[in-house]
PDB file of N, CA and C in Angstrom:
ATOM      1  N   MET A   1     152.371 112.205 120.240  1.00  0.00           N
ATOM      2  CA  MET A   1     153.189 113.059 119.665  1.00  0.00           C
ATOM      3  C   MET A   1     153.033 114.445 120.152  1.00  0.00           C
ATOM      4  N   CYS A   2     154.187 115.072 120.161  1.00  0.00           N
ATOM      5  CA  CYS A   2     154.252 116.359 121.026  1.00  0.00           C
ATOM      6  C   CYS A   2     153.628 117.437 120.005  1.00  0.00           C
ATOM      7  N   PRO A   3     152.631 118.025 120.826  1.00  0.00           N
ATOM      8  CA  PRO A   3     152.038 119.233 120.166  1.00  0.00           C
ATOM      9  C   PRO A   3     152.806 120.515 119.798  1.00  0.00           C
ATOM     10  N   GLU A   4     154.104 120.561 120.574  1.00  0.00           N
ATOM     11  CA  GLU A   4     154.943 121.676 120.322  1.00  0.00           C
ATOM     12  C   GLU A   4     155.800 121.374 118.965  1.00  0.00           C
ATOM     13  N   MET A   5     155.554 120.252 118.276  1.00  0.00           N
ATOM     14  CA  MET A   5     156.228 120.048 117.035  1.00  0.00           C
ATOM     15  C   MET A   5     155.933 121.064 116.084  1.00  0.00           C
ATOM     16  N   GLY A   6     154.981 121.607 116.046  1.00  0.00           N
ATOM     17  CA  GLY A   6     154.788 122.841 114.994  1.00  0.00           C
ATOM     18  C   GLY A   6     154.377 122.145 113.614  1.00  0.00           C
ATOM     19  N   ASP A   7     154.799 123.026 112.693  1.00  0.00           N
ATOM     20  CA  ASP A   7     154.451 122.746 111.275  1.00  0.00           C
ATOM     21  C   ASP A   7     155.721 122.195 110.492  1.00  0.00           C
ATOM     22  N   SER A   8     156.815 122.043 110.989  1.00  0.00           N
ATOM     23  CA  SER A   8     157.877 121.703 110.533  1.00  0.00           C
ATOM     24  C   SER A   8     158.027 120.492 109.725  1.00  0.00           C
ATOM     25  N   TYR A   9     157.183 119.397 109.967  1.00  0.00           N
ATOM     26  CA  TYR A   9     157.015 118.199 109.414  1.00  0.00           C
ATOM     27  C   TYR A   9     156.398 118.464 107.893  1.00  0.00           C
ATOM     28  N   LYS A  10     155.547 119.387 107.695  1.00  0.00           N
ATOM     29  CA  LYS A  10     155.025 119.514 106.453  1.00  0.00           C
ATOM     30  C   LYS A  10     155.883 119.788 105.335  1.00  0.00           C
ATOM     31  N   SER A  11     157.171 120.284 105.505  1.00  0.00           N
ATOM     32  CA  SER A  11     158.252 120.329 104.325  1.00  0.00           C
ATOM     33  C   SER A  11     158.822 119.141 103.898  1.00  0.00           C
ATOM     34  N   ILE A  12     158.431 118.164 104.683  1.00  0.00           N
ATOM     35  CA  ILE A  12     159.053 116.630 104.154  1.00  0.00           C
ATOM     36  C   ILE A  12     158.397 116.389 102.900  1.00  0.00           C
ATOM     37  N   GLU A  13     159.382 115.815 101.963  1.00  0.00           N
ATOM     38  CA  GLU A  13     158.770 115.412 100.681  1.00  0.00           C
ATOM     39  C   GLU A  13     158.976 113.935 100.754  1.00  0.00           C
ATOM     40  N   LEU A  14     157.838 113.299 100.137  1.00  0.00           N
ATOM     41  CA  LEU A  14     157.783 111.796 100.303  1.00  0.00           C
ATOM     42  C   LEU A  14     157.904 111.355  98.835  1.00  0.00           C
ATOM     43  N   LYS A  15     158.550 109.984  98.610  1.00  0.00           N
ATOM     44  CA  LYS A  15     158.467 109.450  97.257  1.00  0.00           C
ATOM     45  C   LYS A  15     157.991 108.117  97.617  1.00  0.00           C
ATOM     46  N   LYS A  16     157.056 107.632  97.017  1.00  0.00           N
ATOM     47  CA  LYS A  16     156.470 106.270  97.131  1.00  0.00           C
ATOM     48  C   LYS A  16     156.074 105.594  95.905  1.00  0.00           C
ATOM     49  N   SER A  17     156.158 104.240  95.835  1.00  0.00           N
ATOM     50  CA  SER A  17     155.717 103.370  94.778  1.00  0.00           C
ATOM     51  C   SER A  17     154.362 103.465  94.500  1.00  0.00           C
ATOM     52  N   ASP A  18     153.654 102.855  93.583  1.00  0.00           N
ATOM     53  CA  ASP A  18     152.282 102.830  93.487  1.00  0.00           C
ATOM     54  C   ASP A  18     151.835 101.736  94.528  1.00  0.00           C
ATOM     55  N   GLU A  19     152.620 100.713  94.766  1.00  0.00           N
ATOM     56  CA  GLU A  19     152.280  99.479  95.688  1.00  0.00           C
ATOM     57  C   GLU A  19     152.183 100.132  96.831  1.00  0.00           C
ATOM     58  N   VAL A  20     152.942 101.017  97.298  1.00  0.00           N
ATOM     59  CA  VAL A  20     153.066 101.553  98.783  1.00  0.00           C
ATOM     60  C   VAL A  20     151.819 102.550  98.863  1.00  0.00           C
ATOM     61  N   ALA A  21     151.538 103.278  97.889  1.00  0.00           N
ATOM     62  CA  ALA A  21     150.400 104.148  97.830  1.00  0.00           C
ATOM     63  C   ALA A  21     149.088 103.281  98.064  1.00  0.00           C
ATOM     64  N   GLN A  22     148.973 102.217  97.439  1.00  0.00           N
ATOM     65  CA  GLN A  22     147.817 101.332  97.569  1.00  0.00           C
ATOM     66  C   GLN A  22     147.677 100.870  98.981  1.00  0.00           C
ATOM     67  N   LEU A  23     148.887 100.484  99.381  1.00  0.00           N
ATOM     68  CA  LEU A  23     148.866 100.105 100.858  1.00  0.00           C
ATOM     69  C   LEU A  23     148.406 100.971 101.978  1.00  0.00           C
ATOM     70  N   TRP A  24     148.962 102.163 101.582  1.00  0.00           N
ATOM     71  CA  TRP A  24     148.355 103.296 102.458  1.00  0.00           C
ATOM     72  C   TRP A  24     146.917 103.408 102.364  1.00  0.00           C
ATOM     73  N   GLU A  25     146.388 103.410 101.135  1.00  0.00           N
ATOM     74  CA  GLU A  25     145.045 103.578 101.004  1.00  0.00           C
ATOM     75  C   GLU A  25     144.022 102.453 101.712  1.00  0.00           C
ATOM     76  N   GLU A  26     144.732 101.193 101.744  1.00  0.00           N
ATOM     77  CA  GLU A  26     143.952 100.047 102.506  1.00  0.00           C
ATOM     78  C   GLU A  26     144.162 100.311 103.915  1.00  0.00           C
ATOM     79  N   TRP A  27     145.282 100.836 104.440  1.00  0.00           N
ATOM     80  CA  TRP A  27     145.311 101.021 105.707  1.00  0.00           C
ATOM     81  C   TRP A  27     144.842 102.252 106.251  1.00  0.00           C
ATOM     82  N   LEU A  28     144.466 103.185 105.418  1.00  0.00           N
ATOM     83  CA  LEU A  28     143.861 104.486 105.666  1.00  0.00           C
ATOM     84  C   LEU A  28     144.893 105.339 106.258  1.00  0.00           C
ATOM     85  N   ILE A  29     146.113 105.315 105.686  1.00  0.00           N
ATOM     86  CA  ILE A  29     147.342 106.043 106.257  1.00  0.00           C
ATOM     87  C   ILE A  29     147.361 107.263 105.136  1.00  0.00           C
ATOM     88  N   THR A  30     147.606 108.481 105.710  1.00  0.00           N
ATOM     89  CA  THR A  30     147.813 109.709 104.918  1.00  0.00           C
ATOM     90  C   THR A  30     149.233 109.967 104.832  1.00  0.00           C
ATOM     91  N   ASP A  31     149.571 110.944 103.949  1.00  0.00           N
ATOM     92  CA  ASP A  31     150.834 111.469 103.846  1.00  0.00           C
ATOM     93  C   ASP A  31     151.185 112.155 104.894  1.00  0.00           C
ATOM     94  N   THR A  32     150.186 113.035 105.648  1.00  0.00           N
ATOM     95  CA  THR A  32     150.491 113.684 106.841  1.00  0.00           C
ATOM     96  C   THR A  32     150.929 112.889 107.882  1.00  0.00           C
ATOM     97  N   GLU A  33     150.321 111.727 108.131  1.00  0.00           N
ATOM     98  CA  GLU A  33     150.725 110.801 109.228  1.00  0.00           C
ATOM     99  C   GLU A  33     152.172 110.266 108.983  1.00  0.00           C
ATOM    100  N   VAL A  34     152.478 109.864 107.692  1.00  0.00           N
ATOM    101  CA  VAL A  34     153.740 109.364 107.338  1.00  0.00           C
ATOM    102  C   VAL A  34     154.756 110.616 107.722  1.00  0.00           C
ATOM    103  N   LYS A  35     154.720 111.589 107.342  1.00  0.00           N
ATOM    104  CA  LYS A  35     155.625 112.647 107.396  1.00  0.00           C
ATOM    105  C   LYS A  35     155.758 112.963 109.048  1.00  0.00           C
ATOM    106  N   LEU A  36     154.616 112.840 109.852  1.00  0.00           N
ATOM    107  CA  LEU A  36     154.774 113.187 111.250  1.00  0.00           C
ATOM    108  C   LEU A  36     155.650 111.965 111.944  1.00  0.00           C
ATOM    109  N   VAL A  37     155.601 110.735 111.330  1.00  0.00           N
ATOM    110  CA  VAL A  37     156.393 109.604 111.829  1.00  0.00           C
ATOM    111  C   VAL A  37     157.837 109.976 111.604  1.00  0.00           C
ATOM    112  N   ILE A  38     158.106 110.264 110.136  1.00  0.00           N
ATOM    113  CA  ILE A  38     159.562 110.406 109.842  1.00  0.00           C
ATOM    114  C   ILE A  38     160.233 111.551 110.558  1.00  0.00           C
ATOM    115  N   HIS A  39     159.276 112.660 110.772  1.00  0.00           N
ATOM    116  CA  HIS A  39     159.893 113.773 111.403  1.00  0.00           C
ATOM    117  C   HIS A  39     160.241 113.390 112.910  1.00  0.00           C
ATOM    118  N   HIS A  40     159.272 112.704 113.478  1.00  0.00           N
ATOM    119  CA  HIS A  40     159.615 112.362 114.981  1.00  0.00           C
ATOM    120  C   HIS A  40     160.759 111.454 114.997  1.00  0.00           C
ATOM    121  N   GLY A  41     160.942 110.530 114.008  1.00  0.00           N
ATOM    122  CA  GLY A  41     162.158 109.767 114.144  1.00  0.00           C
ATOM    123  C   GLY A  41     163.551 110.439 113.866  1.00  0.00           C
ATOM    124  N   GLU A  42     163.337 111.222 112.801  1.00  0.00           N
ATOM    125  CA  GLU A  42     164.562 111.994 112.621  1.00  0.00           C
ATOM    126  C   GLU A  42     165.064 113.127 113.546  1.00  0.00           C
ATOM    127  N   THR A  43     163.960 113.735 114.223  1.00  0.00           N
ATOM    128  CA  THR A  43     164.114 114.838 115.238  1.00  0.00           C
ATOM    129  C   THR A  43     164.562 114.349 116.593  1.00  0.00           C
ATOM    130  N   THR A  44     164.207 113.174 116.981  1.00  0.00           N
ATOM    131  CA  THR A  44     164.124 112.533 118.177  1.00  0.00           C
ATOM    132  C   THR A  44     165.284 111.635 118.315  1.00  0.00           C
ATOM    133  N   GLY A  45     165.699 110.828 117.086  1.00  0.00           N
ATOM    134  CA  GLY A  45     166.511 109.783 116.948  1.00  0.00           C
ATOM    135  C   GLY A  45     165.883 108.531 117.282  1.00  0.00           C
ATOM    136  N   GLU A  46     164.596 108.473 117.674  1.00  0.00           N
ATOM    137  CA  GLU A  46     163.934 107.278 117.965  1.00  0.00           C
ATOM    138  C   GLU A  46     163.546 106.487 116.728  1.00  0.00           C
ATOM    139  N   LYS A  47     164.575 105.758 116.216  1.00  0.00           N
ATOM    140  CA  LYS A  47     164.324 104.966 114.884  1.00  0.00           C
ATOM    141  C   LYS A  47     165.379 103.910 115.059  1.00  0.00           C
ATOM    142  N   LEU A  48     165.162 102.869 114.144  1.00  0.00           N
ATOM    143  CA  LEU A  48     165.996 101.752 114.010  1.00  0.00           C
ATOM    144  C   LEU A  48     166.562 101.770 112.641  1.00  0.00           C
ATOM    145  N   TYR A  49     167.912 101.402 112.612  1.00  0.00           N
ATOM    146  CA  TYR A  49     168.593 101.467 111.396  1.00  0.00           C
ATOM    147  C   TYR A  49     168.796  99.997 110.817  1.00  0.00           C
ATOM    148  N   GLN A  50     168.582  99.671 109.670  1.00  0.00           N
ATOM    149  CA  GLN A  50     168.896  98.350 109.123  1.00  0.00           C
ATOM    150  C   GLN A  50     170.239  98.453 108.222  1.00  0.00           C
ATOM    151  N   PRO A  51     171.257  97.972 108.861  1.00  0.00           N
ATOM    152  CA  PRO A  51     172.623  97.889 108.332  1.00  0.00           C
ATOM    153  C   PRO A  51     172.662  97.426 106.913  1.00  0.00           C
ATOM    154  N   GLY A  52     173.427  98.197 106.005  1.00  0.00           N
ATOM    155  CA  GLY A  52     173.658  97.605 104.704  1.00  0.00           C
ATOM    156  C   GLY A  52     172.471  97.960 103.670  1.00  0.00           C
ATOM    157  N   SER A  53     171.432  98.569 104.256  1.00  0.00           N
ATOM    158  CA  SER A  53     170.371  98.809 103.281  1.00  0.00           C
ATOM    159  C   SER A  53     169.951 100.402 103.437  1.00  0.00           C
ATOM    160  N   ASN A  54     170.510 101.086 104.082  1.00  0.00           N
ATOM    161  CA  ASN A  54     170.225 102.590 104.345  1.00  0.00           C
ATOM    162  C   ASN A  54     168.766 102.862 104.570  1.00  0.00           C
ATOM    163  N   ARG A  55     168.221 101.930 105.398  1.00  0.00           N
ATOM    164  CA  ARG A  55     166.711 102.002 105.635  1.00  0.00           C
ATOM    165  C   ARG A  55     166.666 102.178 107.105  1.00  0.00           C
ATOM    166  N   TYR A  56     165.474 102.851 107.621  1.00  0.00           N
ATOM    167  CA  TYR A  56     165.388 103.189 108.940  1.00  0.00           C
ATOM    168  C   TYR A  56     163.740 102.757 109.238  1.00  0.00           C
ATOM    169  N   LEU A  57     163.440 102.519 110.386  1.00  0.00           N
ATOM    170  CA  LEU A  57     162.030 102.102 110.857  1.00  0.00           C
ATOM    171  C   LEU A  57     161.768 103.132 112.047  1.00  0.00           C
ATOM    172  N   ALA A  58     160.822 104.007 111.813  1.00  0.00           N
ATOM    173  CA  ALA A  58     160.245 104.830 112.920  1.00  0.00           C
ATOM    174  C   ALA A  58     158.829 104.568 113.184  1.00  0.00           C
ATOM    175  N   LYS A  59     158.570 104.942 114.588  1.00  0.00           N
ATOM    176  CA  LYS A  59     157.267 104.869 114.901  1.00  0.00           C
ATOM    177  C   LYS A  59     156.647 106.044 115.752  1.00  0.00           C
ATOM    178  N   ALA A  60     155.540 106.204 115.874  1.00  0.00           N
ATOM    179  CA  ALA A  60     154.911 107.192 116.599  1.00  0.00           C
ATOM    180  C   ALA A  60     153.453 106.933 116.883  1.00  0.00           C
ATOM    181  N   ASN A  61     152.978 107.503 117.978  1.00  0.00           N
ATOM    182  CA  ASN A  61     151.612 107.177 118.308  1.00  0.00           C
ATOM    183  C   ASN A  61     150.902 108.514 117.904  1.00  0.00           C
ATOM    184  N   ILE A  62     149.926 108.603 117.276  1.00  0.00           N
ATOM    185  CA  ILE A  62     149.034 109.665 116.786  1.00  0.00           C
ATOM    186  C   ILE A  62     147.640 109.401 117.021  1.00  0.00           C
ATOM    187  N   SER A  63     147.025 109.943 117.975  1.00  0.00           N
ATOM    188  CA  SER A  63     145.742 109.902 118.216  1.00  0.00           C
ATOM    189  C   SER A  63     145.161 108.417 118.430  1.00  0.00           C
ATOM    190  N   ASP A  64     145.909 107.669 119.355  1.00  0.00           N
ATOM    191  CA  ASP A  64     145.585 106.417 119.760  1.00  0.00           C
ATOM    192  C   ASP A  64     145.952 105.224 118.613  1.00  0.00           C
ATOM    193  N   VAL A  65     146.584 105.922 117.626  1.00  0.00           N
ATOM    194  CA  VAL A  65     147.055 104.746 116.596  1.00  0.00           C
ATOM    195  C   VAL A  65     148.523 104.756 116.471  1.00  0.00           C
ATOM    196  N   MET A  66     149.183 103.586 116.587  1.00  0.00           N
ATOM    197  CA  MET A  66     150.619 103.569 116.489  1.00  0.00           C
ATOM    198  C   MET A  66     150.831 103.367 114.903  1.00  0.00           C
ATOM    199  N   TYR A  67     151.680 104.150 114.376  1.00  0.00           N
ATOM    200  CA  TYR A  67     152.093 104.082 113.023  1.00  0.00           C
ATOM    201  C   TYR A  67     153.606 103.691 112.889  1.00  0.00           C
ATOM    202  N   TYR A  68     153.917 102.967 112.061  1.00  0.00           N
ATOM    203  CA  TYR A  68     155.408 102.425 111.585  1.00  0.00           C
ATOM    204  C   TYR A  68     155.583 102.733 110.103  1.00  0.00           C
ATOM    205  N   VAL A  69     156.867 103.332 110.045  1.00  0.00           N
ATOM    206  CA  VAL A  69     157.132 103.579 108.686  1.00  0.00           C
ATOM    207  C   VAL A  69     158.616 103.515 108.268  1.00  0.00           C
ATOM    208  N   GLU A  70     158.724 102.683 107.249  1.00  0.00           N
ATOM    209  CA  GLU A  70     160.073 102.099 106.788  1.00  0.00           C
ATOM    210  C   GLU A  70     160.461 103.100 105.726  1.00  0.00           C
ATOM    211  N   TYR A  71     161.672 103.733 105.784  1.00  0.00           N
ATOM    212  CA  TYR A  71     162.100 104.688 104.863  1.00  0.00           C
ATOM    213  C   TYR A  71     163.488 104.773 104.764  1.00  0.00           C
ATOM    214  N   SER A  72     164.030 105.396 103.667  1.00  0.00           N
ATOM    215  CA  SER A  72     165.345 105.830 103.336  1.00  0.00           C
ATOM    216  C   SER A  72     165.545 107.279 103.055  1.00  0.00           C
ATOM    217  N   PRO A  73     166.439 107.978 103.677  1.00  0.00           N
ATOM    218  CA  PRO A  73     166.616 109.338 103.336  1.00  0.00           C
ATOM    219  C   PRO A  73     167.106 109.492 101.984  1.00  0.00           C
ATOM    220  N   GLY A  74     166.720 110.597 101.106  1.00  0.00           N
ATOM    221  CA  GLY A  74     167.207 110.987  99.754  1.00  0.00           C
ATOM    222  C   GLY A  74     167.850 112.251  99.951  1.00  0.00           C
ATOM    223  N   ASN A  75     168.280 112.921  98.799  1.00  0.00           N
ATOM    224  CA  ASN A  75     168.675 114.151  98.603  1.00  0.00           C
ATOM    225  C   ASN A  75     167.783 115.265  99.271  1.00  0.00           C
ATOM    226  N   ARG A  76     166.585 115.195  98.644  1.00  0.00           N
ATOM    227  CA  ARG A  76     165.638 116.165  99.087  1.00  0.00           C
ATOM    228  C   ARG A  76     164.263 115.633  99.459  1.00  0.00           C
ATOM    229  N   HIS A  77     164.220 114.408  99.638  1.00  0.00           N
ATOM    230  CA  HIS A  77     163.153 113.709  99.996  1.00  0.00           C
ATOM    231  C   HIS A  77     163.362 112.361 100.821  1.00  0.00           C
ATOM    232  N   TYR A  78     162.357 111.776 101.133  1.00  0.00           N
ATOM    233  CA  TYR A  78     162.415 110.341 101.932  1.00  0.00           C
ATOM    234  C   TYR A  78     161.597 109.391 100.970  1.00  0.00           C
ATOM    235  N   VAL A  79     162.300 108.245 100.860  1.00  0.00           N
ATOM    236  CA  VAL A  79     161.611 107.179  99.853  1.00  0.00           C
ATOM    237  C   VAL A  79     161.105 106.188 101.034  1.00  0.00           C
ATOM    238  N   VAL A  80     159.680 106.119 101.007  1.00  0.00           N
ATOM    239  CA  VAL A  80     158.987 105.261 101.853  1.00  0.00           C
ATOM    240  C   VAL A  80     158.634 103.867 101.288  1.00  0.00           C
ATOM    241  N   HIS A  81     159.269 102.916 102.036  1.00  0.00           N
ATOM    242  CA  HIS A  81     159.142 101.597 101.386  1.00  0.00           C
ATOM    243  C   HIS A  81     157.882 100.897 101.990  1.00  0.00           C
ATOM    244  N   SER A  82     157.480 101.203 103.202  1.00  0.00           N
ATOM    245  CA  SER A  82     156.380 100.621 103.665  1.00  0.00           C
ATOM    246  C   SER A  82     155.771 101.466 104.890  1.00  0.00           C
ATOM    247  N   ALA A  83     154.655 101.189 105.151  1.00  0.00           N
ATOM    248  CA  ALA A  83     153.901 101.793 106.398  1.00  0.00           C
ATOM    249  C   ALA A  83     152.703 101.045 106.863  1.00  0.00           C
ATOM    250  N   TYR A  84     152.555 100.917 108.093  1.00  0.00           N
ATOM    251  CA  TYR A  84     151.408 100.296 108.664  1.00  0.00           C
ATOM    252  C   TYR A  84     150.986 100.816 110.015  1.00  0.00           C
ATOM    253  N   ALA A  85     149.845 100.518 110.393  1.00  0.00           N
ATOM    254  CA  ALA A  85     149.257 101.221 111.597  1.00  0.00           C
ATOM    255  C   ALA A  85     148.543 100.161 112.471  1.00  0.00           C
ATOM    256  N   HIS A  86     148.284 100.371 113.800  1.00  0.00           N
ATOM    257  CA  HIS A  86     147.412  99.629 114.594  1.00  0.00           C
ATOM    258  C   HIS A  86     146.916 100.572 115.658  1.00  0.00           C
ATOM    259  N   ARG A  87     145.718 100.301 116.055  1.00  0.00           N
ATOM    260  CA  ARG A  87     145.149 100.957 117.328  1.00  0.00           C
ATOM    261  C   ARG A  87     145.852 100.544 118.460  1.00  0.00           C
ATOM    262  N   SER A  88     145.968 101.782 119.381  1.00  0.00           N
ATOM    263  CA  SER A  88     146.795 101.185 120.597  1.00  0.00           C
ATOM    264  C   SER A  88     146.091 102.160 121.670  1.00  0.00           C
ATOM    265  N   ARG A  89     146.022 101.479 122.910  1.00  0.00           N
ATOM    266  CA  ARG A  89     145.584 102.375 123.861  1.00  0.00           C
ATOM    267  C   ARG A  89     146.075 101.685 124.984  1.00  0.00           C
ATOM    268  N   ILE A  90     146.953 102.443 125.767  1.00  0.00           N
ATOM    269  CA  ILE A  90     147.652 101.915 127.075  1.00  0.00           C
ATOM    270  C   ILE A  90     146.929 102.517 128.348  1.00  0.00           C
ATOM    271  N   VAL A  91     146.420 101.960 129.021  1.00  0.00           N
ATOM    272  CA  VAL A  91     145.741 102.356 130.309  1.00  0.00           C
ATOM    273  C   VAL A  91     146.329 101.710 131.501  1.00  0.00           C
ATOM    274  N   GLU A  92     146.366 102.328 132.561  1.00  0.00           N
ATOM    275  CA  GLU A  92     146.815 101.909 133.747  1.00  0.00           C
ATOM    276  C   GLU A  92     145.859 100.802 134.386  1.00  0.00           C
ATOM    277  N   GLY A  93     146.444  99.724 134.948  1.00  0.00           N
ATOM    278  CA  GLY A  93     145.482  98.676 135.518  1.00  0.00           C
ATOM    279  C   GLY A  93     145.475  98.935 136.929  1.00  0.00           C
ATOM    280  N   GLY A  94     144.406  98.410 137.563  1.00  0.00           N
ATOM    281  CA  GLY A  94     144.078  98.764 138.973  1.00  0.00           C
ATOM    282  C   GLY A  94     143.977  97.511 139.727  1.00  0.00           C
TER     283      GLY A  94
END
């Protein structure tokens, strides 16, 4: 993630179901990480769109963890449908 992003991601408001909140707890995913991923997708355009559903999938690498968030934009918030993460580390081979 770009350190020059600043704090603008903090103003993102999230809406999530109890199921999604439980999933985040199991995966140790925080609201801050989800906001960073959504902000990255929205500001860079690096996101996938699911036609007919108004859903997007964005991803971002934060501290060697790759996060994926499926969400829909609302009027003043983002509805988060799912989020998951996995450790990732890319090193050059020799």
